[in-house]
Amino acid sequence: MEVKKEQVDLSNFDKRAVPALLVFIVFVVIGLSYFFYLKRSREEKYNNEKITVTTSIFPIYDIARNIIGENEEIDLSYVVPVSVNLQLYEPPDTDKDKIRDSDLSFFVGAGYDDSLGSFAVDSKVDLSSFIELKEGAHEKVITDYKKICSDNSGTWLSDYNECVNSSEELCASHSGKYDSCASACRHEANEEQCIAVCVAVCTFDSSTNETTKKTSNPYYWLSIENAKTIAQVVYKEIAKKKPQYSYEFAQNYESYIQSLDEARSYIDEQSKLIDDKRVLVLTDSSDYFLMDYGFQVVNRLENKDLAEVKKSADKYNSRLYLKDEFYSNEEITGFLEDQGAQIVAVKTVGGEGQELNYIDLVRTNIDRIYSTYESLGDYRFVGKDYVGEFNLKNTKASIFKKNSLIADLSLSELPESLGTVMTNFYWIDKDKFALETHVNPSYGELYFYEVENENLIYLKRYLGSQFTLSPSGEKVAYIGYIAHFSDFGPQEISFMVNDRVLYKRKGEQFPSEIELYSNISWSDVSTVQFRDWSNDGDLKVVVAE
C-alpha cells in the first residue's frame, strides 16, 4: 500500500511573530529562574540564621554541646543552675522568656522538670520544638534470686542456681521449678550412698533475671545507655533545624558515642573491683546508675522517718548509704554518721570544676562509691549483733556493732599465727566468731573469739586446710594437721569435727599438693560428709556428735 506524504504549508505563516515568541520564552525562563533564586535565597537566609537551643539541665546541655560542636549558628544554653534542686525549682521570668523564644528545647520529663514543661504548655509554645526525652529511656530491672533465697531463710547453691528449703509459694512467684523432696546428695557422683534425707528445692535458669521496662524514675540520664539514646534524639532534632551541617553533626555524634562507650568500660572495670555490691539508698536518684553496673539495692529509705531508718540500720548492719546531692535531712544523715556509716552523695546534674562535664560526672560517681567501699573493707560478714570485715591490704579484721568500731584484729595479733592472709569469717553465735587464715591452700588456721563487753576474748585455735561450720555454728569440721611437717608435706592428716578425730592417716609421706580429704559440707546440723581421696574419692558420711 502506498503511503501518502503530506507537506506542511508554511506559506501562510507570519514570520513577524517569531521575535515575539522568542521574547515570551526568554521572559518565562527569566521569571522561573528569578523565582527559584528567591526561593533558594530565602532558604539560605533561614538556614544561615542563628537558632536557639535550650535544655532544662546541664547533663543534657553537655550532651547537646558535644553534638553541635563549634557551630556558631546555634546558641545553646541550659536554664537550671547546677546548684539548684530542679524538683523544687520555679522558673523565673528570664527562664520563661528563654523557653518561649527557643527554636528547640529539650526536657527530662517523667515528673522531673514539670515546672518547665507546664509553663511551655500553658504558654502555647510550639510543642513540635518541645522535646521530652523520656520516651526512648529504658529502666533495667534485675531480679536477684540469690538475695530472694537468703532473705527468705533459704540456702543458695551458686553452682546449680538452686534455693534449698524454699517454699513452694516463693518458688512459683518467681517462675522457678519446685521439688518438695529432692535428694540431699543429688549432685554427688555416688548419690545412692547418701543418707536418706530429702530437701525442698527451687531451681532457676540463672542466678539473676534481667528485664527492661519504660522509665518511671526521672533520673534516667545517669545510665550511660540512656545517655546514648538522648544523644541520638538530640542529634536528629538539631540536624532537622540545620540540615546543611548534618554531616558535621553525624561525625560529632559518632565521636561522642565512642566517648560514652569508653566511659562505660571504665565504670565497668571499677565496679568489678567491688565484691559486695549491696547498698542502701536514701533517695532513688542513683537507681539507674546502680542497676547498670550490677549493684543491688537491699533497702530504700526515701521518704522514711528516723524510726524506720534505725530499724533498717539494725537489720542490715550496713555502713554504706547513697543519697542525692540535694538530700538535706540532717536528722537522718547525722544519726547514720554517728553510727559510723559512710554516705556517698551521688552527683545528678553537675558540680564544679571537672564535674561540669557529663562523662566526668558519672565517672565521679563510681570513683566515690569505689573509694568508700575500699575504705570499708574487702569482705563483710553480718551476724546478729555484730559485723565482721576484712581489709586484705592491711591484713586485718574489724568488728563493728551497729556500725560502731569495737576492735581491729591484725594477723600479727593472732596467737602463734603463721598465716599470711585472712580468708574467711564465721559468726558462730551472736557474740562468737571464727577467723580463718592461710599460709597456702594446703595449710591454714582457725581462731575462735568471743566479744565480751565490747572486748575480744581469745578462745582456741585449730590447724587445718579446709574448715566449715555446721548450720548451728556449734561444730566445725576440718582437715586437721596433728604432727609436724616434713619436706614432702604433713606426716599425719586427720578429718576432724571440733577436737575429735574421725579419720586419720599417719606414718606416711603425703605429697603436699595432694588433698587427702576435701569437699566438706554439712547435710544437716549433725551430719557431715567429705571426699576421701585415699580411697578413690569415696564419699564419707558421718554423724558428728
Protein backbone atom coordinates (compact mmCIF):
# COMPACT_ATOMS: atom_id res chain seq x y z
CA MET A 1 0.00 0.00 0.00
CA GLU A 2 1.33 3.39 -0.89
CA VAL A 3 1.74 5.84 1.98
CA LYS A 4 0.93 9.43 1.17
CA LYS A 5 3.32 12.07 2.46
CA GLU A 6 1.75 15.38 3.46
CA GLN A 7 3.73 18.58 3.45
CA VAL A 8 3.17 21.41 5.91
CA ASP A 9 2.24 24.55 4.12
CA LEU A 10 4.19 27.45 5.68
CA SER A 11 3.24 29.88 3.01
CA ASN A 12 0.66 31.49 5.28
CA PHE A 13 2.94 31.63 8.43
CA ASP A 14 3.58 35.15 9.59
CA LYS A 15 7.35 35.32 10.09
CA ARG A 16 6.92 38.53 12.07
CA ALA A 17 5.61 36.50 15.06
CA VAL A 18 8.95 34.78 15.66
CA PRO A 19 10.61 37.60 17.62
CA ALA A 20 7.57 37.93 19.88
CA LEU A 21 7.59 34.20 20.63
CA LEU A 22 11.27 34.27 21.45
CA VAL A 23 10.77 37.25 23.75
CA PHE A 24 7.97 35.39 25.54
CA ILE A 25 10.12 32.30 26.07
CA VAL A 26 13.00 34.41 27.39
CA PHE A 27 10.69 36.15 29.89
CA VAL A 28 9.34 32.78 31.09
CA VAL A 29 12.86 31.43 31.63
CA ILE A 30 13.97 34.59 33.41
CA GLY A 31 10.85 34.56 35.57
CA LEU A 32 11.31 30.95 36.63
CA SER A 33 14.99 31.50 37.32
CA TYR A 34 14.22 34.51 39.48
CA PHE A 35 11.52 32.59 41.37
CA PHE A 36 13.90 29.75 42.21
CA TYR A 37 16.63 32.24 43.06
CA LEU A 38 14.37 34.00 45.55
CA LYS A 39 13.25 30.66 46.98
CA ARG A 40 16.84 29.49 47.41
CA SER A 41 17.87 32.83 48.89
CA ARG A 42 15.09 32.65 51.44
CA GLU A 43 16.11 29.08 52.38
CA GLU A 44 19.77 30.03 52.64
CA LYS A 45 18.89 33.07 54.67
CA TYR A 46 16.76 30.94 57.00
CA ASN A 47 19.37 28.17 57.25
CA ASN A 48 22.12 30.66 57.98
CA GLU A 49 20.15 32.38 60.71
CA LYS A 50 21.22 31.76 64.27
CA ILE A 51 18.85 29.45 66.17
CA THR A 52 18.50 29.00 69.92
CA VAL A 53 18.50 25.57 71.61
CA THR A 54 17.60 25.31 75.30
CA THR A 55 17.86 22.39 77.73
CA SER A 56 16.45 22.18 81.22
CA ILE A 57 19.53 20.72 82.96
CA PHE A 58 23.27 20.70 82.46
CA PRO A 59 23.79 16.99 81.58
CA ILE A 60 21.51 17.30 78.53
CA TYR A 61 23.20 20.59 77.63
CA ASP A 62 26.60 18.88 77.73
CA ILE A 63 25.38 16.03 75.52
CA ALA A 64 24.00 18.56 73.01
CA ARG A 65 27.21 20.62 73.19
CA ASN A 66 29.24 17.61 72.09
CA ILE A 67 26.99 17.05 69.07
CA ILE A 68 26.75 20.72 67.99
CA GLY A 69 30.49 21.24 68.31
CA GLU A 70 31.83 24.70 67.36
CA ASN A 71 28.84 25.66 65.19
CA GLU A 72 28.36 29.42 65.59
CA GLU A 73 24.84 29.39 64.17
CA ILE A 74 23.42 27.64 67.23
CA ASP A 75 23.05 29.38 70.57
CA LEU A 76 22.91 26.59 73.19
CA SER A 77 22.12 27.12 76.88
CA TYR A 78 20.53 25.47 79.92
CA VAL A 79 18.15 27.17 82.34
CA VAL A 80 18.56 25.47 85.73
CA PRO A 81 21.76 26.21 87.71
CA VAL A 82 23.69 23.08 88.74
CA SER A 83 23.41 24.09 92.39
CA VAL A 84 19.59 24.02 92.35
CA ASN A 85 17.28 21.06 93.00
CA LEU A 86 15.11 21.17 89.90
CA GLN A 87 12.21 19.39 91.59
CA LEU A 88 11.90 22.42 93.90
CA TYR A 89 12.66 24.90 91.15
CA GLU A 90 10.23 27.60 89.99
CA PRO A 91 11.48 29.18 86.74
CA PRO A 92 11.90 32.99 86.86
CA ASP A 93 10.61 35.19 84.05
CA THR A 94 14.01 35.22 82.34
CA ASP A 95 13.95 31.42 82.01
CA LYS A 96 10.37 31.51 80.79
CA ASP A 97 11.32 34.01 78.11
CA LYS A 98 14.24 31.83 77.06
CA ILE A 99 11.99 28.79 76.69
CA ARG A 100 9.31 30.78 74.85
CA ASP A 101 11.80 32.19 72.35
CA SER A 102 13.75 28.97 71.71
CA ASP A 103 13.68 27.24 68.34
CA LEU A 104 14.27 23.89 70.06
CA SER A 105 14.00 22.82 73.71
CA PHE A 106 14.98 19.54 75.39
CA PHE A 107 13.49 18.43 78.72
CA VAL A 108 13.74 15.40 81.00
CA GLY A 109 10.06 14.77 81.67
CA ALA A 110 8.95 11.83 83.82
CA GLY A 111 7.99 14.24 86.60
CA TYR A 112 11.43 15.80 86.96
CA ASP A 113 11.19 19.22 85.32
CA ASP A 114 7.41 19.53 85.29
CA SER A 115 7.53 23.20 86.24
CA LEU A 116 9.19 23.97 82.91
CA GLY A 117 7.01 21.59 80.96
CA SER A 118 3.82 23.03 82.44
CA PHE A 119 4.95 26.54 81.57
CA ALA A 120 5.63 25.54 77.96
CA VAL A 121 2.15 24.07 77.57
CA ASP A 122 0.42 26.97 79.32
CA SER A 123 2.34 29.50 77.21
CA LYS A 124 1.31 27.72 73.99
CA VAL A 125 4.91 27.19 72.92
CA ASP A 126 5.20 25.31 69.62
CA LEU A 127 5.21 21.82 71.08
CA SER A 128 6.86 20.38 67.95
CA SER A 129 10.04 22.10 69.16
CA PHE A 130 9.50 20.99 72.77
CA ILE A 131 11.24 17.59 73.04
CA GLU A 132 10.64 15.38 76.10
CA LEU A 133 13.49 12.87 76.20
CA LYS A 134 11.98 10.17 78.44
CA GLU A 135 10.32 8.29 75.56
CA GLY A 136 13.47 6.47 74.49
CA ALA A 137 14.75 5.81 78.00
CA HIS A 138 14.64 2.32 79.49
CA GLU A 139 14.78 1.02 83.03
CA LYS A 140 16.74 -2.14 83.78
CA VAL A 141 15.07 -4.45 86.29
CA ILE A 142 17.25 -7.17 87.84
CA THR A 143 15.73 -9.96 89.91
CA ASP A 144 18.40 -11.43 92.19
CA TYR A 145 17.28 -14.95 93.09
CA LYS A 146 20.21 -15.44 95.47
CA LYS A 147 19.10 -12.46 97.55
CA ILE A 148 15.45 -13.57 97.42
CA CYS A 149 16.51 -17.02 98.60
CA SER A 150 18.64 -15.78 101.53
CA ASP A 151 16.03 -13.17 102.54
CA ASN A 152 13.51 -15.99 102.93
CA SER A 153 15.74 -18.29 105.06
CA GLY A 154 16.84 -20.46 102.14
CA THR A 155 20.33 -21.68 101.22
CA TRP A 156 21.61 -20.67 97.79
CA LEU A 157 23.73 -23.14 95.75
CA SER A 158 25.55 -20.97 93.22
CA ASP A 159 26.82 -23.84 91.06
CA TYR A 160 23.28 -25.05 90.38
CA ASN A 161 21.14 -21.88 90.74
CA GLU A 162 19.13 -23.63 93.46
CA CYS A 163 17.43 -22.36 96.59
CA VAL A 164 17.33 -25.11 99.22
CA ASN A 165 14.48 -25.01 101.79
CA SER A 166 12.41 -22.71 99.58
CA SER A 167 8.65 -22.57 99.97
CA GLU A 168 6.52 -23.61 97.02
CA GLU A 169 4.77 -20.22 97.01
CA LEU A 170 8.06 -18.33 96.81
CA CYS A 171 9.29 -20.58 94.01
CA ALA A 172 6.11 -20.20 91.98
CA SER A 173 6.04 -16.41 92.38
CA HIS A 174 9.47 -16.19 90.68
CA SER A 175 8.84 -18.84 87.97
CA GLY A 176 11.18 -21.42 89.48
CA LYS A 177 10.93 -25.23 89.24
CA TYR A 178 9.90 -26.70 92.59
CA ASP A 179 10.76 -30.12 94.04
CA SER A 180 9.35 -30.77 97.50
CA CYS A 181 11.62 -33.77 98.17
CA ALA A 182 14.89 -33.63 96.28
CA SER A 183 17.80 -35.80 97.35
CA ALA A 184 20.24 -34.05 99.67
CA CYS A 185 23.05 -35.68 97.67
CA ARG A 186 21.59 -35.11 94.18
CA HIS A 187 24.81 -33.52 92.93
CA GLU A 188 27.11 -36.28 94.18
CA ALA A 189 28.52 -38.95 91.85
CA ASN A 190 27.54 -41.74 94.25
CA GLU A 191 24.13 -40.45 95.20
CA GLU A 192 22.91 -43.93 96.18
CA GLN A 193 25.40 -43.96 99.09
CA CYS A 194 23.88 -40.84 100.60
CA ILE A 195 21.83 -40.96 103.76
CA ALA A 196 18.08 -40.94 103.18
CA VAL A 197 17.40 -37.24 103.50
CA CYS A 198 15.38 -35.07 101.14
CA VAL A 199 15.08 -31.30 100.93
CA ALA A 200 12.74 -28.81 99.27
CA VAL A 201 14.48 -27.19 96.29
CA CYS A 202 13.55 -24.40 93.89
CA THR A 203 15.67 -24.32 90.70
CA PHE A 204 16.09 -21.25 88.46
CA ASP A 205 17.53 -20.92 84.96
CA SER A 206 20.13 -18.43 86.22
CA SER A 207 21.13 -16.57 89.38
CA THR A 208 19.53 -13.34 88.15
CA ASN A 209 16.94 -12.28 85.61
CA GLU A 210 17.28 -9.01 83.72
CA THR A 211 14.39 -7.25 82.00
CA THR A 212 13.74 -3.72 80.80
CA LYS A 213 10.71 -1.50 81.01
CA LYS A 214 9.81 2.08 80.20
CA THR A 215 11.09 4.52 82.72
CA SER A 216 9.15 5.75 85.72
CA ASN A 217 12.21 7.17 87.51
CA PRO A 218 13.20 10.61 86.14
CA TYR A 219 16.95 10.22 86.73
CA TYR A 220 17.36 8.05 83.64
CA TRP A 221 20.20 10.16 82.18
CA LEU A 222 22.61 8.74 84.80
CA SER A 223 22.58 5.48 82.81
CA ILE A 224 25.14 5.75 80.02
CA GLU A 225 22.95 3.56 77.81
CA ASN A 226 20.15 6.08 78.22
CA ALA A 227 22.62 8.93 77.60
CA LYS A 228 23.35 7.34 74.22
CA THR A 229 19.62 7.33 73.44
CA ILE A 230 19.39 11.00 74.46
CA ALA A 231 22.35 11.82 72.21
CA GLN A 232 20.65 10.16 69.26
CA VAL A 233 17.43 12.15 69.74
CA VAL A 234 19.33 15.42 70.15
CA TYR A 235 21.41 14.74 67.03
CA LYS A 236 18.34 14.03 64.84
CA GLU A 237 16.37 17.05 66.07
CA ILE A 238 19.25 19.52 65.63
CA ALA A 239 20.03 18.11 62.17
CA LYS A 240 16.43 18.89 61.16
CA LYS A 241 16.95 22.52 62.11
CA LYS A 242 20.32 22.82 60.38
CA PRO A 243 20.36 20.19 57.61
CA GLN A 244 23.34 21.80 55.85
CA TYR A 245 25.50 20.72 58.81
CA SER A 246 24.14 17.18 59.05
CA TYR A 247 27.48 15.61 58.15
CA GLU A 248 29.35 17.52 60.88
CA PHE A 249 26.66 16.66 63.43
CA ALA A 250 26.84 12.98 62.45
CA GLN A 251 30.63 12.97 62.89
CA ASN A 252 30.33 14.63 66.31
CA TYR A 253 27.59 12.20 67.33
CA GLU A 254 29.66 9.11 66.42
CA SER A 255 32.68 10.50 68.25
CA TYR A 256 30.62 11.21 71.38
CA ILE A 257 29.07 7.73 71.37
CA GLN A 258 32.60 6.34 71.34
CA SER A 259 33.49 8.53 74.34
CA LEU A 260 30.40 7.28 76.18
CA ASP A 261 31.39 3.67 75.45
CA GLU A 262 34.86 4.34 76.85
CA ALA A 263 33.31 5.82 80.00
CA ARG A 264 31.08 2.78 80.28
CA SER A 265 34.13 0.50 80.08
CA TYR A 266 35.89 2.49 82.80
CA ILE A 267 32.89 2.25 85.13
CA ASP A 268 32.53 -1.47 84.39
CA GLU A 269 36.14 -2.05 85.38
CA GLN A 270 35.79 -0.03 88.59
CA SER A 271 32.59 -1.80 89.60
CA LYS A 272 34.25 -5.21 89.09
CA LEU A 273 36.67 -4.28 91.87
CA ILE A 274 33.75 -4.08 94.31
CA ASP A 275 32.91 -7.56 95.62
CA ASP A 276 29.93 -6.66 97.79
CA LYS A 277 27.52 -4.64 95.66
CA ARG A 278 24.72 -4.41 98.23
CA VAL A 279 23.77 -0.82 99.08
CA LEU A 280 21.08 1.11 100.95
CA VAL A 281 19.75 4.28 99.39
CA LEU A 282 18.22 7.37 100.96
CA THR A 283 16.92 8.60 97.57
CA ASP A 284 16.09 6.96 94.25
CA SER A 285 18.35 9.22 92.17
CA SER A 286 21.11 6.58 91.85
CA ASP A 287 18.86 3.71 90.71
CA TYR A 288 19.78 3.77 87.02
CA PHE A 289 23.45 4.12 87.73
CA LEU A 290 23.41 1.25 90.24
CA MET A 291 21.36 -1.09 88.06
CA ASP A 292 23.60 -0.52 85.05
CA TYR A 293 26.61 -1.83 86.93
CA GLY A 294 25.17 -4.76 88.87
CA PHE A 295 24.62 -3.18 92.30
CA GLN A 296 21.79 -4.47 94.50
CA VAL A 297 19.62 -2.03 96.42
CA VAL A 298 18.79 -4.01 99.57
CA ASN A 299 16.57 -1.32 101.09
CA ARG A 300 15.10 2.02 100.01
CA LEU A 301 14.73 4.72 102.61
CA GLU A 302 13.42 7.65 100.60
CA ASN A 303 10.65 9.48 102.44
CA LYS A 304 11.27 7.33 105.56
CA ASP A 305 11.35 8.80 109.05
CA LEU A 306 14.16 8.34 111.59
CA ALA A 307 12.47 5.39 113.32
CA GLU A 308 12.30 3.41 110.07
CA VAL A 309 15.93 4.27 109.23
CA LYS A 310 17.01 3.00 112.69
CA LYS A 311 15.20 -0.30 112.09
CA SER A 312 16.93 -0.66 108.73
CA ALA A 313 20.35 0.12 110.26
CA ASP A 314 19.83 -2.60 112.88
CA LYS A 315 18.58 -5.13 110.32
CA TYR A 316 21.20 -4.72 107.60
CA ASN A 317 24.25 -3.63 109.61
CA SER A 318 25.36 -1.64 106.59
CA ARG A 319 27.89 1.15 106.73
CA LEU A 320 27.37 2.38 103.15
CA TYR A 321 24.46 4.58 102.09
CA LEU A 322 23.82 6.53 98.88
CA LYS A 323 21.91 9.79 98.62
CA ASP A 324 21.15 12.50 96.11
CA GLU A 325 23.46 15.51 96.23
CA PHE A 326 20.42 17.63 97.21
CA TYR A 327 19.22 15.35 100.05
CA SER A 328 19.07 17.52 103.17
CA ASN A 329 17.53 15.54 106.06
CA GLU A 330 20.23 16.33 108.64
CA GLU A 331 18.48 14.32 111.38
CA ILE A 332 18.83 11.07 109.42
CA THR A 333 22.31 11.72 108.00
CA GLY A 334 23.51 12.80 111.45
CA PHE A 335 22.20 9.59 113.03
CA LEU A 336 23.85 7.40 110.38
CA GLU A 337 27.18 9.22 110.64
CA ASP A 338 27.10 8.81 114.44
CA GLN A 339 26.73 5.06 113.80
CA GLY A 340 29.87 5.06 111.65
CA ALA A 341 28.05 4.99 108.31
CA GLN A 342 29.64 6.35 105.14
CA ILE A 343 27.19 8.34 102.99
CA VAL A 344 28.05 8.83 99.32
CA ALA A 345 26.45 11.86 97.63
CA VAL A 346 25.57 10.89 94.07
CA LYS A 347 26.03 13.68 91.53
CA THR A 348 22.95 14.07 89.34
CA VAL A 349 23.11 17.40 87.49
CA GLY A 350 26.71 18.58 87.82
CA GLY A 351 29.12 20.30 90.10
CA GLU A 352 32.19 22.41 89.84
CA GLY A 353 35.48 22.05 88.00
CA GLN A 354 35.91 18.69 86.28
CA GLU A 355 32.39 17.61 87.14
CA LEU A 356 30.94 20.20 84.75
CA ASN A 357 31.04 17.51 82.11
CA TYR A 358 28.53 14.66 81.83
CA ILE A 359 31.14 11.91 81.41
CA ASP A 360 33.24 13.16 84.32
CA LEU A 361 30.06 13.38 86.38
CA VAL A 362 29.25 9.67 86.03
CA ARG A 363 32.92 8.73 86.46
CA THR A 364 32.98 10.77 89.67
CA ASN A 365 30.05 8.73 91.00
CA ILE A 366 31.74 5.34 90.54
CA ASP A 367 35.02 6.73 91.91
CA ARG A 368 33.25 7.91 95.07
CA ILE A 369 31.47 4.59 95.54
CA TYR A 370 34.63 2.58 94.94
CA SER A 371 36.82 4.63 97.26
CA THR A 372 34.21 4.34 100.01
CA TYR A 373 33.91 0.57 99.55
CA GLU A 374 37.69 0.28 99.67
CA SER A 375 37.81 2.12 102.99
CA LEU A 376 35.10 -0.14 104.44
CA GLY A 377 36.99 -3.38 103.85
CA ASP A 378 37.08 -6.08 101.22
CA TYR A 379 34.53 -8.51 102.69
CA ARG A 380 31.66 -8.14 105.16
CA PHE A 381 30.11 -10.86 107.33
CA VAL A 382 26.89 -9.89 109.04
CA GLY A 383 25.98 -11.51 112.34
CA LYS A 384 23.03 -10.95 114.65
CA ASP A 385 24.50 -8.12 116.69
CA TYR A 386 27.88 -7.60 115.03
CA VAL A 387 29.52 -7.23 111.65
CA GLY A 388 32.97 -8.57 110.73
CA GLU A 389 35.08 -7.10 107.94
CA PHE A 390 38.31 -7.99 106.15
CA ASN A 391 40.75 -5.49 104.84
CA LEU A 392 43.17 -7.59 102.79
CA LYS A 393 45.59 -4.73 102.10
CA ASN A 394 46.20 -4.23 105.79
CA THR A 395 45.64 -7.95 106.58
CA LYS A 396 43.26 -7.18 109.41
CA ALA A 397 39.71 -7.88 110.52
CA SER A 398 37.42 -5.30 112.11
CA ILE A 399 34.43 -5.92 114.36
CA PHE A 400 31.53 -3.47 114.38
CA LYS A 401 28.42 -3.21 116.49
CA LYS A 402 25.63 -1.17 114.94
CA ASN A 403 28.22 0.38 112.63
CA SER A 404 30.47 1.46 115.51
CA LEU A 405 34.00 0.03 115.51
CA ILE A 406 34.72 -2.23 118.51
CA ALA A 407 38.12 -3.66 117.65
CA ASP A 408 40.65 -4.33 114.91
CA LEU A 409 42.43 -7.68 114.76
CA SER A 410 45.56 -7.93 112.61
CA LEU A 411 47.40 -11.09 111.59
CA SER A 412 50.33 -10.21 113.86
CA GLU A 413 47.97 -10.15 116.87
CA LEU A 414 46.72 -13.73 116.35
CA PRO A 415 48.42 -16.17 118.79
CA GLU A 416 51.15 -18.24 117.10
CA SER A 417 49.82 -17.29 113.67
CA LEU A 418 51.69 -18.43 110.58
CA GLY A 419 49.02 -17.17 108.23
CA THR A 420 49.71 -14.56 105.56
CA VAL A 421 46.13 -13.83 104.52
CA MET A 422 42.68 -13.86 106.10
CA THR A 423 40.34 -15.98 104.01
CA ASN A 424 37.06 -16.38 105.87
CA PHE A 425 34.95 -15.24 108.79
CA TYR A 426 32.23 -17.23 110.59
CA TRP A 427 29.66 -15.97 113.10
CA ILE A 428 29.04 -18.89 115.48
CA ASP A 429 26.66 -17.15 117.85
CA LYS A 430 25.55 -13.58 118.31
CA ASP A 431 28.83 -12.82 120.13
CA LYS A 432 31.25 -15.53 118.94
CA PHE A 433 33.14 -15.78 115.69
CA ALA A 434 35.87 -17.80 113.97
CA LEU A 435 38.56 -16.25 111.79
CA GLU A 436 40.28 -18.37 109.13
CA THR A 437 43.81 -17.62 107.90
CA HIS A 438 46.09 -19.43 105.45
CA VAL A 439 49.76 -19.75 104.62
CA ASN A 440 48.83 -21.55 101.38
CA PRO A 441 45.81 -23.54 100.14
CA SER A 442 47.03 -26.66 101.97
CA TYR A 443 47.67 -25.16 105.38
CA GLY A 444 45.53 -22.83 107.44
CA GLU A 445 44.40 -21.84 110.92
CA LEU A 446 41.02 -21.22 112.50
CA TYR A 447 40.88 -18.84 115.50
CA PHE A 448 37.86 -18.58 117.79
CA TYR A 449 36.98 -15.36 119.64
CA GLU A 450 34.18 -14.08 121.82
CA VAL A 451 33.01 -10.47 122.11
CA GLU A 452 32.53 -9.62 125.79
CA ASN A 453 31.71 -6.08 126.93
CA GLU A 454 32.97 -4.88 123.54
CA ASN A 455 36.34 -6.61 124.10
CA LEU A 456 37.69 -9.57 122.14
CA ILE A 457 38.43 -12.73 124.16
CA TYR A 458 40.61 -15.40 122.51
CA LEU A 459 39.17 -18.94 122.90
CA LYS A 460 41.08 -21.55 120.86
CA ARG A 461 42.90 -22.37 117.61
CA TYR A 462 42.63 -25.22 115.10
CA LEU A 463 45.15 -26.16 112.40
CA GLY A 464 43.98 -27.48 109.05
CA SER A 465 43.34 -26.69 105.41
CA GLN A 466 39.57 -26.71 104.85
CA PHE A 467 37.14 -25.52 107.51
CA THR A 468 33.35 -25.44 107.57
CA LEU A 469 30.93 -24.68 110.39
CA SER A 470 27.75 -26.61 110.98
CA PRO A 471 24.45 -24.78 110.28
CA SER A 472 24.02 -24.20 114.01
CA GLY A 473 27.55 -22.80 114.28
CA GLU A 474 28.34 -25.14 117.19
CA LYS A 475 30.64 -27.56 115.34
CA VAL A 476 33.49 -27.08 112.91
CA ALA A 477 34.56 -29.83 110.51
CA TYR A 478 38.01 -29.54 109.04
CA ILE A 479 41.03 -31.29 107.62
CA GLY A 480 43.49 -31.19 110.50
CA TYR A 481 47.24 -31.48 110.78
CA ILE A 482 48.36 -33.05 114.05
CA ALA A 483 52.03 -33.89 113.57
CA HIS A 484 54.88 -31.77 112.27
CA PHE A 485 55.57 -31.21 108.58
CA SER A 486 58.31 -32.85 106.52
CA ASP A 487 59.68 -31.63 103.22
CA PHE A 488 57.03 -33.69 101.48
CA GLY A 489 54.05 -32.46 103.44
CA PRO A 490 52.29 -33.36 106.70
CA GLN A 491 53.13 -36.66 108.34
CA GLU A 492 49.66 -37.06 109.79
CA ILE A 493 46.36 -35.93 108.24
CA SER A 494 43.01 -36.16 110.02
CA PHE A 495 39.41 -35.39 109.25
CA MET A 496 38.07 -33.77 112.38
CA VAL A 497 34.92 -32.34 113.90
CA ASN A 498 35.70 -29.91 116.70
CA ASP A 499 38.54 -31.57 118.62
CA ARG A 500 37.50 -35.14 117.81
CA VAL A 501 39.38 -37.08 115.11
CA LEU A 502 37.06 -39.15 112.90
CA TYR A 503 39.50 -40.30 110.22
CA LYS A 504 43.28 -40.28 110.42
CA ARG A 505 46.22 -41.28 108.25
CA LYS A 506 49.74 -41.27 109.66
CA GLY A 507 53.16 -42.80 109.25
CA GLU A 508 53.25 -42.00 105.54
CA GLN A 509 54.70 -39.20 103.44
CA PHE A 510 51.92 -37.41 101.59
CA PRO A 511 52.93 -35.07 98.75
CA SER A 512 51.91 -31.56 99.77
CA GLU A 513 49.98 -30.95 96.57
CA ILE A 514 47.58 -33.81 97.27
CA GLU A 515 44.42 -33.12 99.26
CA LEU A 516 43.65 -36.36 101.10
CA TYR A 517 40.25 -35.18 102.28
CA SER A 518 38.15 -32.50 100.57
CA ASN A 519 34.66 -31.24 99.70
CA ILE A 520 33.50 -30.90 103.29
CA SER A 521 29.83 -29.99 103.68
CA TRP A 522 27.10 -30.33 106.28
CA SER A 523 23.96 -32.27 105.32
CA ASP A 524 22.16 -31.01 108.41
CA VAL A 525 23.04 -29.80 111.92
CA SER A 526 24.63 -33.12 112.93
CA THR A 527 25.66 -34.90 109.71
CA VAL A 528 28.77 -34.05 107.72
CA GLN A 529 30.17 -35.51 104.51
CA PHE A 530 33.53 -35.31 102.71
CA ARG A 531 35.60 -36.97 99.99
CA ASP A 532 38.32 -39.48 100.96
CA TRP A 533 40.90 -39.41 98.18
CA SER A 534 42.98 -42.15 99.82
CA ASN A 535 40.19 -44.42 98.61
CA ASP A 536 39.42 -43.08 95.11
CA GLY A 537 37.41 -40.15 96.38
CA ASP A 538 34.75 -42.15 98.19
CA LEU A 539 32.03 -40.11 99.80
CA LYS A 540 32.15 -40.43 103.58
CA VAL A 541 29.06 -39.55 105.59
CA VAL A 542 29.36 -39.38 109.36
CA VAL A 543 27.29 -38.25 112.31
CA ALA A 544 29.35 -35.56 114.02
CA GLU A 545 28.36 -35.79 117.67
